[in-house]
Amino acid sequence: MSNSKSIEHKGRIDSIDGNKINVSFLALSGCASCHAKGVCSAADMQEKSVEVFDYTNQYTTGQEVNVTLKQSLGFRALFLAYVLPFILVLFTLIILTIITNNEAISGIGALVVLVPYYLVLFLLKSKIRKKFTFTINRID
C-alpha cells in the first residue's frame, strides 16, 4: 500500500526492546535498480537502520515490514542537513567578504560557522527525533 506522499522501504526487524523496534533495510539510490548498474560506478546500495516506536506488540524479530516516513519529513531532513547549512555558509561568506575584504578569512569564517550550526542540531537531536517518526506495516 504505497502512498505518493510517503517514502517507503521494505525491511526486516532486527531487534525489539520494549516498544522500540530496530528495523534494517537496504537503501537504494535511483540508479541501483538500473539494468546497467554492473557497468556503472554510480550505483549505490547501503544498509540502513532505523528505530520505530510501536505500542501494539504485534511484531516479532526477523519479520518483514514496510518502513514508512512522510515525504514532507524527508524534505525537512534535506533542508536541515543540506539546504540551510549551504545558505548559512554562502551568507556568511558574502558578509565576511564585504566586511573584511579578505578571501581567506571569509572562507575560513564561512566554514567555521558550520560548527555551531551542527552543534545546535546535535543538542536538539531529541527534539528533532520526535518530529521524524517512522511507521512500520506488516507485509502480507
Protein backbone atom coordinates (compact mmCIF):
# COMPACT_ATOMS: atom_id res chain seq x y z
CA MET A 1 0.00 0.00 0.00
CA SER A 2 2.22 2.81 -1.28
CA ASN A 3 1.18 6.41 -0.83
CA SER A 4 2.66 9.08 -3.10
CA LYS A 5 3.08 11.32 -0.03
CA SER A 6 5.39 8.89 1.77
CA ILE A 7 8.79 7.27 1.43
CA GLU A 8 8.64 3.51 1.86
CA HIS A 9 11.29 0.79 2.18
CA LYS A 10 11.00 -2.93 2.70
CA GLY A 11 12.92 -4.01 5.79
CA ARG A 12 13.44 -6.68 8.42
CA ILE A 13 13.07 -6.33 12.19
CA ASP A 14 16.48 -6.81 13.83
CA SER A 15 15.54 -6.42 17.47
CA ILE A 16 12.72 -5.43 19.77
CA ASP A 17 13.36 -3.75 23.10
CA GLY A 18 10.05 -2.94 24.77
CA ASN A 19 8.30 -0.52 22.42
CA LYS A 20 11.46 0.29 20.43
CA ILE A 21 11.88 -1.75 17.26
CA ASN A 22 15.11 -1.66 15.24
CA VAL A 23 14.46 -2.22 11.54
CA SER A 24 17.20 -2.58 8.93
CA PHE A 25 16.63 -2.10 5.22
CA LEU A 26 18.59 -1.74 2.03
CA ALA A 27 18.51 1.86 0.77
CA LEU A 28 18.94 2.02 -2.97
CA SER A 29 19.90 5.07 -4.97
CA GLY A 30 17.87 5.85 -8.06
CA CYS A 31 20.27 4.03 -10.35
CA ALA A 32 20.76 0.95 -8.13
CA SER A 33 17.75 -0.68 -9.74
CA CYS A 34 19.00 0.10 -13.26
CA HIS A 35 19.79 -2.84 -15.54
CA ALA A 36 23.26 -1.36 -16.30
CA LYS A 37 24.36 -0.92 -12.68
CA GLY A 38 27.11 -3.53 -13.05
CA VAL A 39 28.90 -1.36 -15.59
CA CYS A 40 28.28 1.96 -13.90
CA SER A 41 30.07 3.07 -10.75
CA ALA A 42 27.20 5.36 -9.75
CA ALA A 43 25.03 2.51 -8.40
CA ASP A 44 24.73 2.79 -4.64
CA MET A 45 23.23 0.43 -2.10
CA GLN A 46 23.53 0.97 1.67
CA GLU A 47 22.31 -0.95 4.70
CA LYS A 48 20.36 1.46 6.93
CA SER A 49 18.81 1.00 10.33
CA VAL A 50 16.00 2.99 11.97
CA GLU A 51 14.26 2.97 15.32
CA VAL A 52 10.49 2.71 15.27
CA PHE A 53 8.30 3.05 18.34
CA ASP A 54 5.28 0.76 18.27
CA TYR A 55 2.90 0.04 21.13
CA THR A 56 0.80 -2.70 19.50
CA ASN A 57 3.17 -5.61 20.34
CA GLN A 58 2.24 -7.31 17.06
CA TYR A 59 5.74 -7.64 15.56
CA THR A 60 8.45 -10.26 16.01
CA THR A 61 12.19 -10.31 15.36
CA GLY A 62 13.03 -11.29 11.77
CA GLN A 63 9.63 -10.23 10.41
CA GLU A 64 9.48 -8.45 7.03
CA VAL A 65 7.88 -4.99 7.28
CA ASN A 66 7.48 -1.79 5.30
CA VAL A 67 9.15 1.23 6.90
CA THR A 68 7.34 4.46 6.04
CA LEU A 69 8.24 8.13 6.51
CA LYS A 70 6.09 11.05 5.38
CA GLN A 71 7.59 12.71 2.31
CA SER A 72 7.30 16.13 3.94
CA LEU A 73 9.59 14.93 6.74
CA GLY A 74 12.11 13.77 4.15
CA PHE A 75 12.14 17.27 2.69
CA ARG A 76 12.54 18.74 6.18
CA ALA A 77 15.55 16.50 6.81
CA LEU A 78 17.03 17.53 3.46
CA PHE A 79 16.53 21.19 4.37
CA LEU A 80 18.14 20.85 7.83
CA ALA A 81 21.09 18.78 6.63
CA TYR A 82 21.96 20.41 3.30
CA VAL A 83 19.99 23.50 2.25
CA LEU A 84 20.11 25.55 5.46
CA PRO A 85 23.85 24.96 6.05
CA PHE A 86 24.56 25.91 2.43
CA ILE A 87 22.60 29.14 2.79
CA LEU A 88 24.36 29.85 6.08
CA VAL A 89 27.82 29.30 4.55
CA LEU A 90 27.01 31.38 1.48
CA PHE A 91 25.50 34.24 3.51
CA THR A 92 28.47 34.23 5.92
CA LEU A 93 30.93 34.18 3.02
CA ILE A 94 29.30 37.18 1.36
CA ILE A 95 29.02 39.20 4.59
CA LEU A 96 32.61 38.46 5.69
CA THR A 97 33.95 39.28 2.23
CA ILE A 98 32.19 42.65 2.35
CA ILE A 99 33.39 43.36 5.90
CA THR A 100 36.99 42.09 5.75
CA ASN A 101 37.76 42.18 2.01
CA ASN A 102 39.98 39.12 2.69
CA GLU A 103 39.04 35.89 0.92
CA ALA A 104 41.00 33.61 3.26
CA ILE A 105 39.34 34.95 6.40
CA SER A 106 35.95 34.91 4.70
CA GLY A 107 36.36 31.30 3.55
CA ILE A 108 37.53 30.06 6.94
CA GLY A 109 34.79 32.02 8.71
CA ALA A 110 32.17 30.60 6.38
CA LEU A 111 33.29 27.06 7.20
CA VAL A 112 33.64 27.73 10.93
CA VAL A 113 30.02 28.89 11.08
CA LEU A 114 29.02 25.25 10.46
CA VAL A 115 30.46 24.15 13.81
CA PRO A 116 27.85 25.95 15.96
CA TYR A 117 25.11 25.04 13.47
CA TYR A 118 25.75 21.30 13.71
CA LEU A 119 26.36 21.60 17.45
CA VAL A 120 22.88 23.12 17.85
CA LEU A 121 21.43 20.31 15.72
CA PHE A 122 23.23 17.79 17.93
CA LEU A 123 21.91 19.39 21.11
CA LEU A 124 18.37 19.43 19.71
CA LYS A 125 18.50 15.87 18.36
CA SER A 126 15.97 14.51 20.86
CA LYS A 127 13.50 17.24 19.92
CA ILE A 128 14.16 16.68 16.20
CA ARG A 129 13.86 12.90 16.62
CA LYS A 130 10.32 13.34 17.98
CA LYS A 131 9.28 15.03 14.73
CA PHE A 132 10.88 12.40 12.47
CA THR A 133 8.76 9.38 13.25
CA PHE A 134 8.85 6.23 11.17
CA THR A 135 5.95 3.81 11.00
CA ILE A 136 6.00 0.16 10.10
CA ASN A 137 3.38 -2.03 8.45
CA ARG A 138 3.28 -5.77 8.01
CA ILE A 139 3.95 -7.19 4.59
CA ASP A 140 1.11 -9.58 3.80
